[in-house]
Amino acid sequence: KKTSALMIAAENELKTLLAGQTGQFKLGASTIP
């Protein structure tokens, strides 16, 4: 049951990531911009 819940949570997280509702990334920039 715990494994099933984890898989469902992972699937939902991936769906939101693919939809652009969640996510994180690093942006590098030189000083002026």
Full PDB file with SEQRES, HELIX, SHEET, SSBOND, CRYST1, ORIGX, SCALE, CONECT and MASTER records, all heavy atoms in Angstrom:
SEQRES   1 A   33  LYS LYS THR SER ALA LEU MET ILE ALA ALA GLU ASN GLU          
SEQRES   2 A   33  LEU LYS THR LEU LEU ALA GLY GLN THR GLY GLN PHE LYS          
SEQRES   3 A   33  LEU GLY ALA SER THR ILE PRO                                  
HELIX    1 AA1 LYS A    2  LEU A   18  1                                  17    
CRYST1    1.000    1.000    1.000  90.00  90.00  90.00 P 1           1          
ORIGX1      1.000000  0.000000  0.000000        0.00000                         
ORIGX2      0.000000  1.000000  0.000000        0.00000                         
ORIGX3      0.000000  0.000000  1.000000        0.00000                         
SCALE1      1.000000  0.000000  0.000000        0.00000                         
SCALE2      0.000000  1.000000  0.000000        0.00000                         
SCALE3      0.000000  0.000000  1.000000        0.00000                         
ATOM      1  N   LYS A   1       0.837  -1.206   0.000  1.00  0.00           N  
ATOM      2  CA  LYS A   1       0.000   0.000   0.000  1.00  0.00           C  
ATOM      3  C   LYS A   1       0.874   1.260   0.000  1.00  0.00           C  
ATOM      4  O   LYS A   1       0.581   2.234  -0.707  1.00  0.00           O  
ATOM      5  CB  LYS A   1      -0.922   0.002   1.215  1.00  0.00           C  
ATOM      6  CG  LYS A   1      -2.064  -1.011   1.130  1.00  0.00           C  
ATOM      7  CD  LYS A   1      -2.915  -0.960   2.390  1.00  0.00           C  
ATOM      8  CE  LYS A   1      -4.085  -1.930   2.291  1.00  0.00           C  
ATOM      9  NZ  LYS A   1      -4.918  -1.927   3.527  1.00  0.00           N  
ATOM     10  N   LYS A   2       1.958   1.241   0.782  1.00  0.00           N  
ATOM     11  CA  LYS A   2       2.862   2.391   0.822  1.00  0.00           C  
ATOM     12  C   LYS A   2       3.550   2.579  -0.528  1.00  0.00           C  
ATOM     13  O   LYS A   2       3.696   3.713  -1.011  1.00  0.00           O  
ATOM     14  CB  LYS A   2       3.912   2.192   1.913  1.00  0.00           C  
ATOM     15  CG  LYS A   2       3.347   2.251   3.327  1.00  0.00           C  
ATOM     16  CD  LYS A   2       4.430   1.980   4.357  1.00  0.00           C  
ATOM     17  CE  LYS A   2       3.865   1.990   5.766  1.00  0.00           C  
ATOM     18  NZ  LYS A   2       4.895   1.663   6.797  1.00  0.00           N  
ATOM     19  N   THR A   3       3.954   1.455  -1.135  1.00  0.00           N  
ATOM     20  CA  THR A   3       4.607   1.524  -2.446  1.00  0.00           C  
ATOM     21  C   THR A   3       3.646   2.072  -3.490  1.00  0.00           C  
ATOM     22  O   THR A   3       4.009   2.918  -4.318  1.00  0.00           O  
ATOM     23  CB  THR A   3       5.100   0.133  -2.875  1.00  0.00           C  
ATOM     24  OG1 THR A   3       6.007  -0.369  -1.902  1.00  0.00           O  
ATOM     25  CG2 THR A   3       5.780   0.185  -4.229  1.00  0.00           C  
ATOM     26  N   SER A   4       2.391   1.594  -3.435  1.00  0.00           N  
ATOM     27  CA  SER A   4       1.377   2.066  -4.378  1.00  0.00           C  
ATOM     28  C   SER A   4       1.129   3.563  -4.215  1.00  0.00           C  
ATOM     29  O   SER A   4       1.014   4.306  -5.200  1.00  0.00           O  
ATOM     30  CB  SER A   4       0.071   1.292  -4.165  1.00  0.00           C  
ATOM     31  OG  SER A   4      -0.942   1.753  -5.026  1.00  0.00           O  
ATOM     32  N   ALA A   5       1.080   4.020  -2.956  1.00  0.00           N  
ATOM     33  CA  ALA A   5       0.852   5.448  -2.696  1.00  0.00           C  
ATOM     34  C   ALA A   5       2.030   6.280  -3.212  1.00  0.00           C  
ATOM     35  O   ALA A   5       1.835   7.370  -3.776  1.00  0.00           O  
ATOM     36  CB  ALA A   5       0.652   5.679  -1.204  1.00  0.00           C  
ATOM     37  N   LEU A   6       3.248   5.763  -3.030  1.00  0.00           N  
ATOM     38  CA  LEU A   6       4.428   6.470  -3.521  1.00  0.00           C  
ATOM     39  C   LEU A   6       4.415   6.569  -5.045  1.00  0.00           C  
ATOM     40  O   LEU A   6       4.760   7.612  -5.615  1.00  0.00           O  
ATOM     41  CB  LEU A   6       5.705   5.762  -3.062  1.00  0.00           C  
ATOM     42  CG  LEU A   6       6.114   5.963  -1.601  1.00  0.00           C  
ATOM     43  CD1 LEU A   6       7.295   5.062  -1.251  1.00  0.00           C  
ATOM     44  CD2 LEU A   6       6.487   7.422  -1.347  1.00  0.00           C  
ATOM     45  N   MET A   7       4.022   5.496  -5.714  1.00  0.00           N  
ATOM     46  CA  MET A   7       3.971   5.501  -7.179  1.00  0.00           C  
ATOM     47  C   MET A   7       2.911   6.479  -7.690  1.00  0.00           C  
ATOM     48  O   MET A   7       3.130   7.180  -8.677  1.00  0.00           O  
ATOM     49  CB  MET A   7       3.683   4.095  -7.701  1.00  0.00           C  
ATOM     50  CG  MET A   7       4.810   3.088  -7.457  1.00  0.00           C  
ATOM     51  SD  MET A   7       6.386   3.631  -8.161  1.00  0.00           S  
ATOM     52  CE  MET A   7       5.975   3.624  -9.913  1.00  0.00           C  
ATOM     53  N   ILE A   8       1.777   6.524  -6.991  1.00  0.00           N  
ATOM     54  CA  ILE A   8       0.720   7.475  -7.381  1.00  0.00           C  
ATOM     55  C   ILE A   8       1.201   8.909  -7.184  1.00  0.00           C  
ATOM     56  O   ILE A   8       0.991   9.783  -8.036  1.00  0.00           O  
ATOM     57  CB  ILE A   8      -0.565   7.212  -6.569  1.00  0.00           C  
ATOM     58  CG1 ILE A   8      -1.186   5.871  -6.979  1.00  0.00           C  
ATOM     59  CG2 ILE A   8      -1.567   8.350  -6.775  1.00  0.00           C  
ATOM     60  CD1 ILE A   8      -2.335   5.437  -6.090  1.00  0.00           C  
ATOM     61  N   ALA A   9       1.880   9.156  -6.055  1.00  0.00           N  
ATOM     62  CA  ALA A   9       2.414  10.500  -5.785  1.00  0.00           C  
ATOM     63  C   ALA A   9       3.456  10.884  -6.832  1.00  0.00           C  
ATOM     64  O   ALA A   9       3.479  12.027  -7.299  1.00  0.00           O  
ATOM     65  CB  ALA A   9       3.022  10.557  -4.387  1.00  0.00           C  
ATOM     66  N   ALA A  10       4.321   9.919  -7.190  1.00  0.00           N  
ATOM     67  CA  ALA A  10       5.337  10.188  -8.206  1.00  0.00           C  
ATOM     68  C   ALA A  10       4.697  10.493  -9.548  1.00  0.00           C  
ATOM     69  O   ALA A  10       5.127  11.414 -10.262  1.00  0.00           O  
ATOM     70  CB  ALA A  10       6.279   8.989  -8.330  1.00  0.00           C  
ATOM     71  N   GLU A  11       3.669   9.727  -9.894  1.00  0.00           N  
ATOM     72  CA  GLU A  11       2.968   9.956 -11.164  1.00  0.00           C  
ATOM     73  C   GLU A  11       2.331  11.340 -11.197  1.00  0.00           C  
ATOM     74  O   GLU A  11       2.426  12.058 -12.194  1.00  0.00           O  
ATOM     75  CB  GLU A  11       1.902   8.875 -11.364  1.00  0.00           C  
ATOM     76  CG  GLU A  11       1.180   8.957 -12.700  1.00  0.00           C  
ATOM     77  CD  GLU A  11       0.153   7.858 -12.877  1.00  0.00           C  
ATOM     78  OE1 GLU A  11       0.070   6.954 -12.021  1.00  0.00           O  
ATOM     79  OE2 GLU A  11      -0.579   7.904 -13.883  1.00  0.00           O  
ATOM     80  N   ASN A  12       1.699  11.727 -10.078  1.00  0.00           N  
ATOM     81  CA  ASN A  12       1.069  13.051 -10.018  1.00  0.00           C  
ATOM     82  C   ASN A  12       2.100  14.171 -10.095  1.00  0.00           C  
ATOM     83  O   ASN A  12       1.878  15.201 -10.747  1.00  0.00           O  
ATOM     84  CB  ASN A  12       0.256  13.180  -8.724  1.00  0.00           C  
ATOM     85  CG  ASN A  12      -0.985  12.303  -8.721  1.00  0.00           C  
ATOM     86  OD1 ASN A  12      -1.508  11.965  -9.793  1.00  0.00           O  
ATOM     87  ND2 ASN A  12      -1.448  11.932  -7.545  1.00  0.00           N  
ATOM     88  N   GLU A  13       3.241  13.956  -9.431  1.00  0.00           N  
ATOM     89  CA  GLU A  13       4.302  14.965  -9.458  1.00  0.00           C  
ATOM     90  C   GLU A  13       4.874  15.132 -10.863  1.00  0.00           C  
ATOM     91  O   GLU A  13       5.151  16.252 -11.311  1.00  0.00           O  
ATOM     92  CB  GLU A  13       5.412  14.588  -8.478  1.00  0.00           C  
ATOM     93  CG  GLU A  13       6.454  15.680  -8.291  1.00  0.00           C  
ATOM     94  CD  GLU A  13       7.412  15.402  -7.161  1.00  0.00           C  
ATOM     95  OE1 GLU A  13       7.070  14.579  -6.283  1.00  0.00           O  
ATOM     96  OE2 GLU A  13       8.500  16.007  -7.142  1.00  0.00           O  
ATOM     97  N   LEU A  14       5.029  14.003 -11.548  1.00  0.00           N  
ATOM     98  CA  LEU A  14       5.531  14.057 -12.921  1.00  0.00           C  
ATOM     99  C   LEU A  14       4.536  14.754 -13.843  1.00  0.00           C  
ATOM    100  O   LEU A  14       4.927  15.507 -14.744  1.00  0.00           O  
ATOM    101  CB  LEU A  14       5.826  12.647 -13.441  1.00  0.00           C  
ATOM    102  CG  LEU A  14       7.042  11.951 -12.819  1.00  0.00           C  
ATOM    103  CD1 LEU A  14       7.120  10.507 -13.289  1.00  0.00           C  
ATOM    104  CD2 LEU A  14       8.321  12.692 -13.177  1.00  0.00           C  
ATOM    105  N   LYS A  15       3.250  14.518 -13.612  1.00  0.00           N  
ATOM    106  CA  LYS A  15       2.220  15.169 -14.433  1.00  0.00           C  
ATOM    107  C   LYS A  15       2.256  16.684 -14.261  1.00  0.00           C  
ATOM    108  O   LYS A  15       2.161  17.433 -15.239  1.00  0.00           O  
ATOM    109  CB  LYS A  15       0.835  14.626 -14.064  1.00  0.00           C  
ATOM    110  CG  LYS A  15       0.548  13.231 -14.594  1.00  0.00           C  
ATOM    111  CD  LYS A  15      -0.843  12.761 -14.179  1.00  0.00           C  
ATOM    112  CE  LYS A  15      -1.139  11.371 -14.725  1.00  0.00           C  
ATOM    113  NZ  LYS A  15      -2.471  10.869 -14.284  1.00  0.00           N  
ATOM    114  N   THR A  16       2.391  17.134 -13.001  1.00  0.00           N  
ATOM    115  CA  THR A  16       2.439  18.582 -12.764  1.00  0.00           C  
ATOM    116  C   THR A  16       3.724  19.180 -13.324  1.00  0.00           C  
ATOM    117  O   THR A  16       3.737  20.315 -13.794  1.00  0.00           O  
ATOM    118  CB  THR A  16       2.339  18.905 -11.263  1.00  0.00           C  
ATOM    119  OG1 THR A  16       3.412  18.264 -10.558  1.00  0.00           O  
ATOM    120  CG2 THR A  16       1.012  18.422 -10.693  1.00  0.00           C  
ATOM    121  N   LEU A  17       4.813  18.386 -13.267  1.00  0.00           N  
ATOM    122  CA  LEU A  17       6.087  18.864 -13.821  1.00  0.00           C  
ATOM    123  C   LEU A  17       5.988  19.003 -15.339  1.00  0.00           C  
ATOM    124  O   LEU A  17       6.427  19.997 -15.918  1.00  0.00           O  
ATOM    125  CB  LEU A  17       7.211  17.897 -13.451  1.00  0.00           C  
ATOM    126  CG  LEU A  17       8.632  18.293 -13.866  1.00  0.00           C  
ATOM    127  CD1 LEU A  17       9.043  19.600 -13.193  1.00  0.00           C  
ATOM    128  CD2 LEU A  17       9.614  17.193 -13.510  1.00  0.00           C  
ATOM    129  N   LEU A  18       5.383  18.009 -15.981  1.00  0.00           N  
ATOM    130  CA  LEU A  18       5.210  18.045 -17.442  1.00  0.00           C  
ATOM    131  C   LEU A  18       4.269  19.171 -17.854  1.00  0.00           C  
ATOM    132  O   LEU A  18       4.423  19.753 -18.934  1.00  0.00           O  
ATOM    133  CB  LEU A  18       4.669  16.701 -17.945  1.00  0.00           C  
ATOM    134  CG  LEU A  18       5.667  15.539 -17.944  1.00  0.00           C  
ATOM    135  CD1 LEU A  18       4.955  14.206 -18.188  1.00  0.00           C  
ATOM    136  CD2 LEU A  18       6.734  15.762 -19.014  1.00  0.00           C  
ATOM    137  N   ALA A  19       3.298  19.482 -16.994  1.00  0.00           N  
ATOM    138  CA  ALA A  19       2.350  20.556 -17.299  1.00  0.00           C  
ATOM    139  C   ALA A  19       2.914  21.933 -16.995  1.00  0.00           C  
ATOM    140  O   ALA A  19       2.303  22.951 -17.321  1.00  0.00           O  
ATOM    141  CB  ALA A  19       1.050  20.343 -16.521  1.00  0.00           C  
ATOM    142  N   GLY A  20       4.097  21.970 -16.374  1.00  0.00           N  
ATOM    143  CA  GLY A  20       4.694  23.262 -16.033  1.00  0.00           C  
ATOM    144  C   GLY A  20       4.122  23.883 -14.775  1.00  0.00           C  
ATOM    145  O   GLY A  20       4.383  25.052 -14.488  1.00  0.00           O  
ATOM    146  N   GLN A  21       3.347  23.104 -14.002  1.00  0.00           N  
ATOM    147  CA  GLN A  21       2.760  23.647 -12.778  1.00  0.00           C  
ATOM    148  C   GLN A  21       3.772  23.657 -11.633  1.00  0.00           C  
ATOM    149  O   GLN A  21       3.632  24.410 -10.671  1.00  0.00           O  
ATOM    150  CB  GLN A  21       1.533  22.819 -12.383  1.00  0.00           C  
ATOM    151  CG  GLN A  21       0.421  22.891 -13.416  1.00  0.00           C  
ATOM    152  CD  GLN A  21      -0.688  21.889 -13.144  1.00  0.00           C  
ATOM    153  OE1 GLN A  21      -0.577  21.053 -12.253  1.00  0.00           O  
ATOM    154  NE2 GLN A  21      -1.757  21.954 -13.914  1.00  0.00           N  
ATOM    155  N   THR A  22       4.769  22.774 -11.708  1.00  0.00           N  
ATOM    156  CA  THR A  22       5.835  22.735 -10.717  1.00  0.00           C  
ATOM    157  C   THR A  22       7.169  22.615 -11.451  1.00  0.00           C  
ATOM    158  O   THR A  22       7.206  22.445 -12.671  1.00  0.00           O  
ATOM    159  CB  THR A  22       5.678  21.536  -9.756  1.00  0.00           C  
ATOM    160  OG1 THR A  22       5.729  20.318 -10.527  1.00  0.00           O  
ATOM    161  CG2 THR A  22       4.371  21.609  -8.994  1.00  0.00           C  
ATOM    162  N   GLY A  23       8.241  22.666 -10.686  1.00  0.00           N  
ATOM    163  CA  GLY A  23       9.570  22.517 -11.278  1.00  0.00           C  
ATOM    164  C   GLY A  23      10.544  23.500 -10.671  1.00  0.00           C  
ATOM    165  O   GLY A  23      10.146  24.463  -9.986  1.00  0.00           O  
ATOM    166  N   GLN A  24      11.816  23.256 -10.896  1.00  0.00           N  
ATOM    167  CA  GLN A  24      12.848  24.186 -10.432  1.00  0.00           C  
ATOM    168  C   GLN A  24      14.056  24.085 -11.351  1.00  0.00           C  
ATOM    169  O   GLN A  24      14.321  23.044 -11.942  1.00  0.00           O  
ATOM    170  CB  GLN A  24      13.244  23.889  -8.991  1.00  0.00           C  
ATOM    171  CG  GLN A  24      13.800  22.503  -8.743  1.00  0.00           C  
ATOM    172  CD  GLN A  24      14.108  22.269  -7.269  1.00  0.00           C  
ATOM    173  OE1 GLN A  24      13.411  22.774  -6.385  1.00  0.00           O  
ATOM    174  NE2 GLN A  24      15.147  21.519  -6.999  1.00  0.00           N  
ATOM    175  N   PHE A  25      14.762  25.192 -11.481  1.00  0.00           N  
ATOM    176  CA  PHE A  25      15.962  25.204 -12.313  1.00  0.00           C  
ATOM    177  C   PHE A  25      16.867  26.352 -11.888  1.00  0.00           C  
ATOM    178  O   PHE A  25      16.445  27.285 -11.192  1.00  0.00           O  
ATOM    179  CB  PHE A  25      15.615  25.308 -13.804  1.00  0.00           C  
ATOM    180  CG  PHE A  25      14.957  26.599 -14.215  1.00  0.00           C  
ATOM    181  CD1 PHE A  25      15.707  27.642 -14.747  1.00  0.00           C  
ATOM    182  CD2 PHE A  25      13.582  26.767 -14.086  1.00  0.00           C  
ATOM    183  CE1 PHE A  25      15.106  28.826 -15.136  1.00  0.00           C  
ATOM    184  CE2 PHE A  25      12.973  27.944 -14.474  1.00  0.00           C  
ATOM    185  CZ  PHE A  25      13.740  28.976 -15.009  1.00  0.00           C  
ATOM    186  N   LYS A  26      18.133  26.265 -12.320  1.00  0.00           N  
ATOM    187  CA  LYS A  26      19.125  27.293 -12.026  1.00  0.00           C  
ATOM    188  C   LYS A  26      19.362  28.133 -13.272  1.00  0.00           C  
ATOM    189  O   LYS A  26      19.460  27.609 -14.375  1.00  0.00           O  
ATOM    190  CB  LYS A  26      20.435  26.651 -11.575  1.00  0.00           C  
ATOM    191  CG  LYS A  26      20.366  25.975 -10.224  1.00  0.00           C  
ATOM    192  CD  LYS A  26      21.660  25.234  -9.910  1.00  0.00           C  
ATOM    193  CE  LYS A  26      22.812  26.190  -9.727  1.00  0.00           C  
ATOM    194  NZ  LYS A  26      24.079  25.499  -9.354  1.00  0.00           N  
ATOM    195  N   LEU A  27      19.445  29.427 -13.070  1.00  0.00           N  
ATOM    196  CA  LEU A  27      19.724  30.373 -14.147  1.00  0.00           C  
ATOM    197  C   LEU A  27      21.007  31.112 -13.816  1.00  0.00           C  
ATOM    198  O   LEU A  27      21.108  31.756 -12.773  1.00  0.00           O  
ATOM    199  CB  LEU A  27      18.560  31.357 -14.301  1.00  0.00           C  
ATOM    200  CG  LEU A  27      18.741  32.519 -15.277  1.00  0.00           C  
ATOM    201  CD1 LEU A  27      18.929  32.017 -16.704  1.00  0.00           C  
ATOM    202  CD2 LEU A  27      17.560  33.478 -15.203  1.00  0.00           C  
ATOM    203  N   GLY A  28      21.998  31.016 -14.688  1.00  0.00           N  
ATOM    204  CA  GLY A  28      23.244  31.735 -14.494  1.00  0.00           C  
ATOM    205  C   GLY A  28      23.204  33.070 -15.223  1.00  0.00           C  
ATOM    206  O   GLY A  28      22.617  33.174 -16.299  1.00  0.00           O  
ATOM    207  N   ALA A  29      23.803  34.087 -14.646  1.00  0.00           N  
ATOM    208  CA  ALA A  29      23.792  35.405 -15.280  1.00  0.00           C  
ATOM    209  C   ALA A  29      25.039  36.189 -14.905  1.00  0.00           C  
ATOM    210  O   ALA A  29      25.511  36.116 -13.767  1.00  0.00           O  
ATOM    211  CB  ALA A  29      22.549  36.199 -14.871  1.00  0.00           C  
ATOM    212  N   SER A  30      25.571  36.922 -15.869  1.00  0.00           N  
ATOM    213  CA  SER A  30      26.659  37.850 -15.558  1.00  0.00           C  
ATOM    214  C   SER A  30      26.076  39.049 -14.809  1.00  0.00           C  
ATOM    215  O   SER A  30      24.856  39.203 -14.706  1.00  0.00           O  
ATOM    216  CB  SER A  30      27.384  38.278 -16.836  1.00  0.00           C  
ATOM    217  OG  SER A  30      26.488  38.876 -17.757  1.00  0.00           O  
ATOM    218  N   THR A  31      26.936  39.899 -14.287  1.00  0.00           N  
ATOM    219  CA  THR A  31      26.499  40.879 -13.293  1.00  0.00           C  
ATOM    220  C   THR A  31      25.454  41.883 -13.785  1.00  0.00           C  
ATOM    221  O   THR A  31      24.499  42.172 -13.073  1.00  0.00           O  
ATOM    222  CB  THR A  31      27.705  41.637 -12.720  1.00  0.00           C  
ATOM    223  OG1 THR A  31      28.488  42.153 -13.799  1.00  0.00           O  
ATOM    224  CG2 THR A  31      28.562  40.729 -11.877  1.00  0.00           C  
ATOM    225  N   ILE A  32      25.624  42.417 -14.990  1.00  0.00           N  
ATOM    226  CA  ILE A  32      24.676  43.446 -15.436  1.00  0.00           C  
ATOM    227  C   ILE A  32      23.277  42.877 -15.634  1.00  0.00           C  
ATOM    228  O   ILE A  32      22.312  43.375 -15.033  1.00  0.00           O  
ATOM    229  CB  ILE A  32      25.174  44.150 -16.726  1.00  0.00           C  
ATOM    230  CG1 ILE A  32      26.461  44.916 -16.439  1.00  0.00           C  
ATOM    231  CG2 ILE A  32      24.104  45.101 -17.267  1.00  0.00           C  
ATOM    232  CD1 ILE A  32      26.337  46.000 -15.397  1.00  0.00           C  
ATOM    233  N   PRO A  33      23.089  41.826 -16.447  1.00  0.00           N  
ATOM    234  CA  PRO A  33      21.733  41.276 -16.550  1.00  0.00           C  
ATOM    235  C   PRO A  33      21.241  40.689 -15.226  1.00  0.00           C  
ATOM    236  O   PRO A  33      20.059  40.813 -14.892  1.00  0.00           O  
ATOM    237  CB  PRO A  33      21.858  40.189 -17.631  1.00  0.00           C  
ATOM    238  CG  PRO A  33      23.303  39.883 -17.724  1.00  0.00           C  
ATOM    239  CD  PRO A  33      24.021  41.145 -17.375  1.00  0.00           C  
TER     240      PRO A  33                                                      
MASTER        0    0    0    1    0    0    0    6  239    1    0    3          
END                                                                             
